[in-house]
Amino acid sequence: MKRFENKVAFITGGNSGIGKAAAILIAREGARVVIADLKENKAVLEEVRGEGTAAIFVTCDVSRHEDLKQAVETTVAEFGSLDIALNNAGIVDSAPIHEKTPEEWQRVLNINLSGVFYGMKYQIEQMRRQPGGGAIVNMGSIMSQVAEQGIAAYASSKHGLVGLTRVGALENATHNIRVNAIGPGYVETPLLLDNSASGTDYRAYMESKHAMKRLGKPEEIAKAFLFLASDDASFCTGAYLPVDGGYLIQ
């Protein structure tokens, strides 16, 4: 029997990068998958279905709590439950604090932090209603623990995400609902690769931040998600798991 047979997994930001890798890998392990993102990507959806399981797409702007409420309701209507959630959607900012507009600040917080809160709210409501509980994984960042210049809103949102994860874990520990977070280092996602396309210096700099002297791969982060979502992590809640190629030990 596959590890996630008869489970339903809900993934925000599932069209690309870590979210896409997570959708494919958990489908390969037998889960039925719901991809929640801004626009449907039929190629990604077919790739997930190609793993031999059912998958649907739901349109969802995570900065709108109504969208996440509807997305969770659609998931349950389609598949009958919501067993695993990956709150992965996020954006990055780039401007010093004194140059950032209030609107730019708020946009990052709305997506990266409020979006996770909205997801957790409706996911937990459903998981408390169903007998099997569930597992929630929030996608933090290495910037959940450290900081760099120019990313005040991003770092603040990712630091806040860890606190939100821990409170969620405490509130639901006796309800068979586990809540954990992952802290990736720099990963070969479309966003990072777009930034590095202007030259090799940017990529080399990013690689140098890690003890392994390379970027992570989306699949490496997705495998950490699968562990935290699985029964192998049954005694793990409120954790922040760095998957950072040794970033923190340099």
C-alpha atoms as a PDB file:
ATOM      1  CA  MET A   1       0.000   0.000   0.000  1.00  0.00           C
ATOM      2  CA  LYS A   2       1.285   3.460  -0.882  1.00  0.00           C
ATOM      3  CA  ARG A   3       2.085   5.852   1.962  1.00  0.00           C
ATOM      4  CA  PHE A   4      -0.782   8.273   1.253  1.00  0.00           C
ATOM      5  CA  GLU A   5      -3.381   5.872  -0.155  1.00  0.00           C
ATOM      6  CA  ASN A   6      -6.923   7.183   0.525  1.00  0.00           C
ATOM      7  CA  LYS A   7      -5.586  10.564   1.692  1.00  0.00           C
ATOM      8  CA  VAL A   8      -6.521  13.962   0.266  1.00  0.00           C
ATOM      9  CA  ALA A   9      -3.791  16.598  -0.023  1.00  0.00           C
ATOM     10  CA  PHE A  10      -4.459  20.322  -0.521  1.00  0.00           C
ATOM     11  CA  ILE A  11      -1.542  22.428  -1.815  1.00  0.00           C
ATOM     12  CA  THR A  12      -1.448  26.187  -2.351  1.00  0.00           C
ATOM     13  CA  GLY A  13       0.962  27.563  -4.925  1.00  0.00           C
ATOM     14  CA  GLY A  14       0.974  24.141  -6.551  1.00  0.00           C
ATOM     15  CA  ASN A  15       1.611  25.228 -10.140  1.00  0.00           C
ATOM     16  CA  SER A  16       5.389  25.576  -9.912  1.00  0.00           C
ATOM     17  CA  GLY A  17       8.517  25.140  -7.835  1.00  0.00           C
ATOM     18  CA  ILE A  18       8.192  23.432  -4.471  1.00  0.00           C
ATOM     19  CA  GLY A  19       4.404  23.261  -4.666  1.00  0.00           C
ATOM     20  CA  LYS A  20       4.455  21.449  -7.987  1.00  0.00           C
ATOM     21  CA  ALA A  21       7.111  19.000  -6.774  1.00  0.00           C
ATOM     22  CA  ALA A  22       5.073  18.339  -3.635  1.00  0.00           C
ATOM     23  CA  ALA A  23       1.918  17.687  -5.667  1.00  0.00           C
ATOM     24  CA  ILE A  24       3.677  15.199  -7.938  1.00  0.00           C
ATOM     25  CA  LEU A  25       5.470  13.321  -5.165  1.00  0.00           C
ATOM     26  CA  ILE A  26       2.457  12.971  -2.894  1.00  0.00           C
ATOM     27  CA  ALA A  27       0.332  11.848  -5.865  1.00  0.00           C
ATOM     28  CA  ARG A  28       2.989   9.231  -6.616  1.00  0.00           C
ATOM     29  CA  GLU A  29       2.458   7.984  -3.056  1.00  0.00           C
ATOM     30  CA  GLY A  30      -1.274   7.570  -3.652  1.00  0.00           C
ATOM     31  CA  ALA A  31      -2.877  10.812  -2.444  1.00  0.00           C
ATOM     32  CA  ARG A  32      -5.661  12.568  -4.277  1.00  0.00           C
ATOM     33  CA  VAL A  33      -4.472  16.119  -4.859  1.00  0.00           C
ATOM     34  CA  VAL A  34      -6.037  19.569  -4.932  1.00  0.00           C
ATOM     35  CA  ILE A  35      -3.866  22.291  -6.461  1.00  0.00           C
ATOM     36  CA  ALA A  36      -4.881  25.787  -5.374  1.00  0.00           C
ATOM     37  CA  ASP A  37      -3.342  28.640  -7.336  1.00  0.00           C
ATOM     38  CA  LEU A  38      -4.198  31.856  -9.149  1.00  0.00           C
ATOM     39  CA  LYS A  39      -4.631  30.312 -12.606  1.00  0.00           C
ATOM     40  CA  GLU A  40      -5.075  26.761 -13.790  1.00  0.00           C
ATOM     41  CA  ASN A  41      -2.070  25.113 -15.416  1.00  0.00           C
ATOM     42  CA  LYS A  42      -3.447  22.141 -17.321  1.00  0.00           C
ATOM     43  CA  ALA A  43       0.011  20.719 -18.006  1.00  0.00           C
ATOM     44  CA  VAL A  44       0.820  20.546 -14.289  1.00  0.00           C
ATOM     45  CA  LEU A  45      -2.574  19.055 -13.489  1.00  0.00           C
ATOM     46  CA  GLU A  46      -2.088  16.334 -16.106  1.00  0.00           C
ATOM     47  CA  GLU A  47       1.411  15.641 -14.797  1.00  0.00           C
ATOM     48  CA  VAL A  48      -0.021  15.073 -11.321  1.00  0.00           C
ATOM     49  CA  ARG A  49      -2.811  12.879 -12.702  1.00  0.00           C
ATOM     50  CA  GLY A  50      -0.178  10.970 -14.624  1.00  0.00           C
ATOM     51  CA  GLU A  51       0.986   9.531 -11.307  1.00  0.00           C
ATOM     52  CA  GLY A  52      -2.182   7.454 -11.319  1.00  0.00           C
ATOM     53  CA  THR A  53      -4.359   9.394  -8.915  1.00  0.00           C
ATOM     54  CA  ALA A  54      -7.210  11.912  -9.037  1.00  0.00           C
ATOM     55  CA  ALA A  55      -6.381  15.611  -9.016  1.00  0.00           C
ATOM     56  CA  ILE A  56      -8.320  18.844  -9.413  1.00  0.00           C
ATOM     57  CA  PHE A  57      -7.487  22.532  -9.634  1.00  0.00           C
ATOM     58  CA  VAL A  58      -9.201  25.292  -7.655  1.00  0.00           C
ATOM     59  CA  THR A  59      -8.707  28.985  -8.343  1.00  0.00           C
ATOM     60  CA  CYS A  60      -7.463  30.623  -5.160  1.00  0.00           C
ATOM     61  CA  ASP A  61      -5.914  33.945  -4.170  1.00  0.00           C
ATOM     62  CA  VAL A  62      -4.613  33.163  -0.678  1.00  0.00           C
ATOM     63  CA  SER A  63      -4.781  36.827   0.338  1.00  0.00           C
ATOM     64  CA  ARG A  64      -8.593  36.473   0.181  1.00  0.00           C
ATOM     65  CA  HIS A  65     -10.031  34.413   3.012  1.00  0.00           C
ATOM     66  CA  GLU A  66     -13.186  33.803   0.970  1.00  0.00           C
ATOM     67  CA  ASP A  67     -11.101  32.041  -1.685  1.00  0.00           C
ATOM     68  CA  LEU A  68      -9.536  29.680   0.830  1.00  0.00           C
ATOM     69  CA  LYS A  69     -12.874  28.930   2.466  1.00  0.00           C
ATOM     70  CA  GLN A  70     -14.315  28.032  -0.943  1.00  0.00           C
ATOM     71  CA  ALA A  71     -11.237  26.010  -1.895  1.00  0.00           C
ATOM     72  CA  VAL A  72     -11.485  23.872   1.240  1.00  0.00           C
ATOM     73  CA  GLU A  73     -15.225  23.392   0.718  1.00  0.00           C
ATOM     74  CA  THR A  74     -14.600  22.333  -2.891  1.00  0.00           C
ATOM     75  CA  THR A  75     -11.943  19.866  -1.736  1.00  0.00           C
ATOM     76  CA  VAL A  76     -14.312  18.204   0.709  1.00  0.00           C
ATOM     77  CA  ALA A  77     -17.203  18.202  -1.759  1.00  0.00           C
ATOM     78  CA  GLU A  78     -15.014  16.504  -4.384  1.00  0.00           C
ATOM     79  CA  PHE A  79     -13.081  14.017  -2.262  1.00  0.00           C
ATOM     80  CA  GLY A  80     -14.908  13.774   1.075  1.00  0.00           C
ATOM     81  CA  SER A  81     -12.136  14.929   3.383  1.00  0.00           C
ATOM     82  CA  LEU A  82      -9.023  17.066   3.759  1.00  0.00           C
ATOM     83  CA  ASP A  83      -6.226  15.068   5.353  1.00  0.00           C
ATOM     84  CA  ILE A  84      -3.049  16.967   4.434  1.00  0.00           C
ATOM     85  CA  ALA A  85      -2.457  20.635   3.705  1.00  0.00           C
ATOM     86  CA  LEU A  86       0.632  22.408   2.426  1.00  0.00           C
ATOM     87  CA  ASN A  87       0.405  26.181   2.777  1.00  0.00           C
ATOM     88  CA  ASN A  88       3.093  27.007   0.251  1.00  0.00           C
ATOM     89  CA  ALA A  89       2.039  30.088  -1.752  1.00  0.00           C
ATOM     90  CA  GLY A  90       4.261  33.104  -1.214  1.00  0.00           C
ATOM     91  CA  ILE A  91       6.021  36.084  -2.773  1.00  0.00           C
ATOM     92  CA  VAL A  92       9.331  37.891  -2.185  1.00  0.00           C
ATOM     93  CA  ASP A  93       9.899  41.618  -1.806  1.00  0.00           C
ATOM     94  CA  SER A  94      13.031  43.622  -2.491  1.00  0.00           C
ATOM     95  CA  ALA A  95      13.462  47.162  -1.140  1.00  0.00           C
ATOM     96  CA  PRO A  96      14.996  48.772   1.945  1.00  0.00           C
ATOM     97  CA  ILE A  97      12.560  49.571   4.746  1.00  0.00           C
ATOM     98  CA  HIS A  98      12.724  53.324   4.185  1.00  0.00           C
ATOM     99  CA  GLU A  99      11.889  52.901   0.485  1.00  0.00           C
ATOM    100  CA  LYS A 100       9.101  50.350   0.815  1.00  0.00           C
ATOM    101  CA  THR A 101       5.570  51.637   0.447  1.00  0.00           C
ATOM    102  CA  PRO A 102       2.873  50.632   2.922  1.00  0.00           C
ATOM    103  CA  GLU A 103       1.035  48.961   0.039  1.00  0.00           C
ATOM    104  CA  GLU A 104       4.070  46.831  -0.878  1.00  0.00           C
ATOM    105  CA  TRP A 105       4.543  45.839   2.771  1.00  0.00           C
ATOM    106  CA  GLN A 106       0.897  44.887   3.168  1.00  0.00           C
ATOM    107  CA  ARG A 107       0.802  42.832  -0.039  1.00  0.00           C
ATOM    108  CA  VAL A 108       3.618  40.565   1.156  1.00  0.00           C
ATOM    109  CA  LEU A 109       2.057  40.156   4.597  1.00  0.00           C
ATOM    110  CA  ASN A 110      -1.371  39.482   3.076  1.00  0.00           C
ATOM    111  CA  ILE A 111      -0.044  36.587   0.982  1.00  0.00           C
ATOM    112  CA  ASN A 112       2.775  35.133   3.070  1.00  0.00           C
ATOM    113  CA  LEU A 113       1.298  35.388   6.569  1.00  0.00           C
ATOM    114  CA  SER A 114      -2.421  36.167   6.431  1.00  0.00           C
ATOM    115  CA  GLY A 115      -2.725  33.655   3.580  1.00  0.00           C
ATOM    116  CA  VAL A 116      -1.317  30.937   5.824  1.00  0.00           C
ATOM    117  CA  PHE A 117      -3.620  31.963   8.671  1.00  0.00           C
ATOM    118  CA  TYR A 118      -6.650  31.822   6.372  1.00  0.00           C
ATOM    119  CA  GLY A 119      -5.574  28.422   5.089  1.00  0.00           C
ATOM    120  CA  MET A 120      -5.035  27.051   8.576  1.00  0.00           C
ATOM    121  CA  LYS A 121      -8.349  28.431   9.829  1.00  0.00           C
ATOM    122  CA  TYR A 122     -10.457  26.585   7.277  1.00  0.00           C
ATOM    123  CA  GLN A 123      -8.228  23.503   7.161  1.00  0.00           C
ATOM    124  CA  ILE A 124      -8.385  23.104  10.940  1.00  0.00           C
ATOM    125  CA  GLU A 125     -12.156  23.632  10.990  1.00  0.00           C
ATOM    126  CA  GLN A 126     -12.525  20.740   8.553  1.00  0.00           C
ATOM    127  CA  MET A 127      -9.933  18.510  10.209  1.00  0.00           C
ATOM    128  CA  ARG A 128     -11.656  18.930  13.579  1.00  0.00           C
ATOM    129  CA  ARG A 129     -14.933  17.813  12.016  1.00  0.00           C
ATOM    130  CA  GLN A 130     -13.557  14.596  10.546  1.00  0.00           C
ATOM    131  CA  PRO A 131     -12.556  11.595  12.675  1.00  0.00           C
ATOM    132  CA  GLY A 132      -9.050  11.212  11.256  1.00  0.00           C
ATOM    133  CA  GLY A 133      -7.722  14.676  12.060  1.00  0.00           C
ATOM    134  CA  GLY A 134      -4.965  15.744   9.705  1.00  0.00           C
ATOM    135  CA  ALA A 135      -1.520  17.185   9.102  1.00  0.00           C
ATOM    136  CA  ILE A 136      -0.698  20.769   8.121  1.00  0.00           C
ATOM    137  CA  VAL A 137       2.698  21.867   6.821  1.00  0.00           C
ATOM    138  CA  ASN A 138       3.521  25.553   6.382  1.00  0.00           C
ATOM    139  CA  MET A 139       6.259  26.631   4.005  1.00  0.00           C
ATOM    140  CA  GLY A 140       8.606  28.950   5.864  1.00  0.00           C
ATOM    141  CA  SER A 141      12.081  29.898   4.739  1.00  0.00           C
ATOM    142  CA  ILE A 142      15.607  30.131   5.988  1.00  0.00           C
ATOM    143  CA  MET A 143      14.478  33.726   6.514  1.00  0.00           C
ATOM    144  CA  SER A 144      12.229  32.405   9.272  1.00  0.00           C
ATOM    145  CA  GLN A 145      15.391  32.387  11.394  1.00  0.00           C
ATOM    146  CA  VAL A 146      17.819  34.862   9.875  1.00  0.00           C
ATOM    147  CA  ALA A 147      17.610  38.077   7.843  1.00  0.00           C
ATOM    148  CA  GLU A 148      19.071  39.835   4.843  1.00  0.00           C
ATOM    149  CA  GLN A 149      18.902  43.428   3.709  1.00  0.00           C
ATOM    150  CA  GLY A 150      16.036  44.482   1.472  1.00  0.00           C
ATOM    151  CA  ILE A 151      13.475  41.837   2.433  1.00  0.00           C
ATOM    152  CA  ALA A 152      11.846  43.290   5.537  1.00  0.00           C
ATOM    153  CA  ALA A 153       8.319  42.204   4.696  1.00  0.00           C
ATOM    154  CA  TYR A 154       9.366  38.734   3.537  1.00  0.00           C
ATOM    155  CA  ALA A 155      11.524  38.034   6.592  1.00  0.00           C
ATOM    156  CA  SER A 156       8.833  39.396   8.911  1.00  0.00           C
ATOM    157  CA  SER A 157       6.189  37.211   7.293  1.00  0.00           C
ATOM    158  CA  LYS A 158       8.349  34.101   7.508  1.00  0.00           C
ATOM    159  CA  HIS A 159       9.324  34.750  11.134  1.00  0.00           C
ATOM    160  CA  GLY A 160       5.630  35.215  11.905  1.00  0.00           C
ATOM    161  CA  LEU A 161       4.755  31.992  10.123  1.00  0.00           C
ATOM    162  CA  VAL A 162       6.792  29.994  12.648  1.00  0.00           C
ATOM    163  CA  GLY A 163       4.896  31.563  15.554  1.00  0.00           C
ATOM    164  CA  LEU A 164       1.594  30.856  13.830  1.00  0.00           C
ATOM    165  CA  THR A 165       2.657  27.256  13.241  1.00  0.00           C
ATOM    166  CA  ARG A 166       3.523  26.740  16.908  1.00  0.00           C
ATOM    167  CA  VAL A 167       0.262  28.229  18.169  1.00  0.00           C
ATOM    168  CA  GLY A 168      -1.674  26.059  15.722  1.00  0.00           C
ATOM    169  CA  ALA A 169       0.205  23.016  16.947  1.00  0.00           C
ATOM    170  CA  LEU A 170      -0.561  23.810  20.594  1.00  0.00           C
ATOM    171  CA  GLU A 171      -4.239  24.446  19.989  1.00  0.00           C
ATOM    172  CA  ASN A 172      -4.744  21.211  18.072  1.00  0.00           C
ATOM    173  CA  ALA A 173      -2.344  18.742  19.663  1.00  0.00           C
ATOM    174  CA  THR A 174      -5.164  16.828  21.363  1.00  0.00           C
ATOM    175  CA  HIS A 175      -7.366  16.895  18.249  1.00  0.00           C
ATOM    176  CA  ASN A 176      -5.155  14.581  16.161  1.00  0.00           C
ATOM    177  CA  ILE A 177      -4.016  17.548  14.037  1.00  0.00           C
ATOM    178  CA  ARG A 178      -0.292  18.135  13.626  1.00  0.00           C
ATOM    179  CA  VAL A 179       1.094  21.491  12.436  1.00  0.00           C
ATOM    180  CA  ASN A 180       4.712  21.874  11.352  1.00  0.00           C
ATOM    181  CA  ALA A 181       6.835  24.166   9.195  1.00  0.00           C
ATOM    182  CA  ILE A 182       9.725  23.740   6.760  1.00  0.00           C
ATOM    183  CA  GLY A 183      12.560  26.240   6.349  1.00  0.00           C
ATOM    184  CA  PRO A 184      14.124  25.852   2.900  1.00  0.00           C
ATOM    185  CA  GLY A 185      17.409  27.447   1.953  1.00  0.00           C
ATOM    186  CA  TYR A 186      17.668  28.920  -1.531  1.00  0.00           C
ATOM    187  CA  VAL A 187      16.007  26.575  -4.008  1.00  0.00           C
ATOM    188  CA  GLU A 188      16.044  26.305  -7.796  1.00  0.00           C
ATOM    189  CA  THR A 189      12.567  27.733  -8.303  1.00  0.00           C
ATOM    190  CA  PRO A 190      11.421  29.781 -11.320  1.00  0.00           C
ATOM    191  CA  LEU A 191      11.578  32.978  -9.255  1.00  0.00           C
ATOM    192  CA  LEU A 192      15.186  32.482  -8.230  1.00  0.00           C
ATOM    193  CA  LEU A 193      16.264  31.266 -11.664  1.00  0.00           C
ATOM    194  CA  ASP A 194      14.687  34.335 -13.265  1.00  0.00           C
ATOM    195  CA  ASN A 195      16.750  36.546 -10.982  1.00  0.00           C
ATOM    196  CA  SER A 196      19.938  34.626 -11.774  1.00  0.00           C
ATOM    197  CA  ALA A 197      19.415  34.792 -15.544  1.00  0.00           C
ATOM    198  CA  SER A 198      21.105  38.199 -15.664  1.00  0.00           C
ATOM    199  CA  GLY A 199      24.469  36.626 -14.844  1.00  0.00           C
ATOM    200  CA  THR A 200      26.349  33.927 -12.981  1.00  0.00           C
ATOM    201  CA  ASP A 201      27.363  36.182 -10.080  1.00  0.00           C
ATOM    202  CA  TYR A 202      23.907  36.146  -8.514  1.00  0.00           C
ATOM    203  CA  ARG A 203      23.621  32.352  -8.620  1.00  0.00           C
ATOM    204  CA  ALA A 204      27.179  31.891  -7.348  1.00  0.00           C
ATOM    205  CA  TYR A 205      26.422  34.232  -4.457  1.00  0.00           C
ATOM    206  CA  MET A 206      23.286  32.291  -3.554  1.00  0.00           C
ATOM    207  CA  GLU A 207      25.145  28.985  -3.734  1.00  0.00           C
ATOM    208  CA  SER A 208      27.889  30.333  -1.475  1.00  0.00           C
ATOM    209  CA  LYS A 209      25.379  30.952   1.334  1.00  0.00           C
ATOM    210  CA  HIS A 210      25.084  27.196   1.901  1.00  0.00           C
ATOM    211  CA  ALA A 211      27.696  24.875   3.389  1.00  0.00           C
ATOM    212  CA  MET A 212      27.033  22.472   0.489  1.00  0.00           C
ATOM    213  CA  LYS A 213      27.794  25.293  -1.997  1.00  0.00           C
ATOM    214  CA  ARG A 214      24.753  24.581  -4.122  1.00  0.00           C
ATOM    215  CA  LEU A 215      21.085  25.432  -4.372  1.00  0.00           C
ATOM    216  CA  GLY A 216      18.397  23.080  -3.193  1.00  0.00           C
ATOM    217  CA  LYS A 217      16.055  21.284  -5.566  1.00  0.00           C
ATOM    218  CA  PRO A 218      12.264  21.536  -5.237  1.00  0.00           C
ATOM    219  CA  GLU A 219      12.045  17.767  -4.826  1.00  0.00           C
ATOM    220  CA  GLU A 220      14.361  17.889  -1.801  1.00  0.00           C
ATOM    221  CA  ILE A 221      11.988  20.267  -0.018  1.00  0.00           C
ATOM    222  CA  ALA A 222       8.959  18.284  -1.168  1.00  0.00           C
ATOM    223  CA  LYS A 223      10.382  15.134   0.417  1.00  0.00           C
ATOM    224  CA  ALA A 224      10.565  16.936   3.766  1.00  0.00           C
ATOM    225  CA  PHE A 225       6.897  17.849   3.320  1.00  0.00           C
ATOM    226  CA  LEU A 226       6.030  14.207   2.669  1.00  0.00           C
ATOM    227  CA  PHE A 227       7.810  13.179   5.872  1.00  0.00           C
ATOM    228  CA  LEU A 228       5.998  15.758   8.019  1.00  0.00           C
ATOM    229  CA  ALA A 229       2.663  14.874   6.405  1.00  0.00           C
ATOM    230  CA  SER A 230       3.130  11.142   6.974  1.00  0.00           C
ATOM    231  CA  ASP A 231       2.668   8.831   9.932  1.00  0.00           C
ATOM    232  CA  ASP A 232       6.471   8.650  10.144  1.00  0.00           C
ATOM    233  CA  ALA A 233       6.196  12.079  11.831  1.00  0.00           C
ATOM    234  CA  SER A 234       3.316  11.068  14.106  1.00  0.00           C
ATOM    235  CA  PHE A 235       5.033  12.474  17.234  1.00  0.00           C
ATOM    236  CA  CYS A 236       6.141  15.677  15.525  1.00  0.00           C
ATOM    237  CA  THR A 237       4.155  18.893  15.905  1.00  0.00           C
ATOM    238  CA  GLY A 238       5.105  22.539  16.298  1.00  0.00           C
ATOM    239  CA  ALA A 239       8.467  21.866  14.650  1.00  0.00           C
ATOM    240  CA  TYR A 240      10.416  24.082  12.275  1.00  0.00           C
ATOM    241  CA  LEU A 241      12.548  21.848  10.057  1.00  0.00           C
ATOM    242  CA  PRO A 242      15.409  23.594   8.228  1.00  0.00           C
ATOM    243  CA  VAL A 243      16.188  22.043   4.842  1.00  0.00           C
ATOM    244  CA  ASP A 244      18.929  24.456   3.967  1.00  0.00           C
ATOM    245  CA  GLY A 245      22.081  22.740   2.739  1.00  0.00           C
ATOM    246  CA  GLY A 246      23.906  23.883   5.871  1.00  0.00           C
ATOM    247  CA  TYR A 247      22.995  27.579   5.605  1.00  0.00           C
ATOM    248  CA  LEU A 248      22.560  27.923   9.376  1.00  0.00           C
ATOM    249  CA  ILE A 249      25.871  26.305  10.314  1.00  0.00           C
ATOM    250  CA  GLN A 250      28.102  28.618   8.279  1.00  0.00           C
END
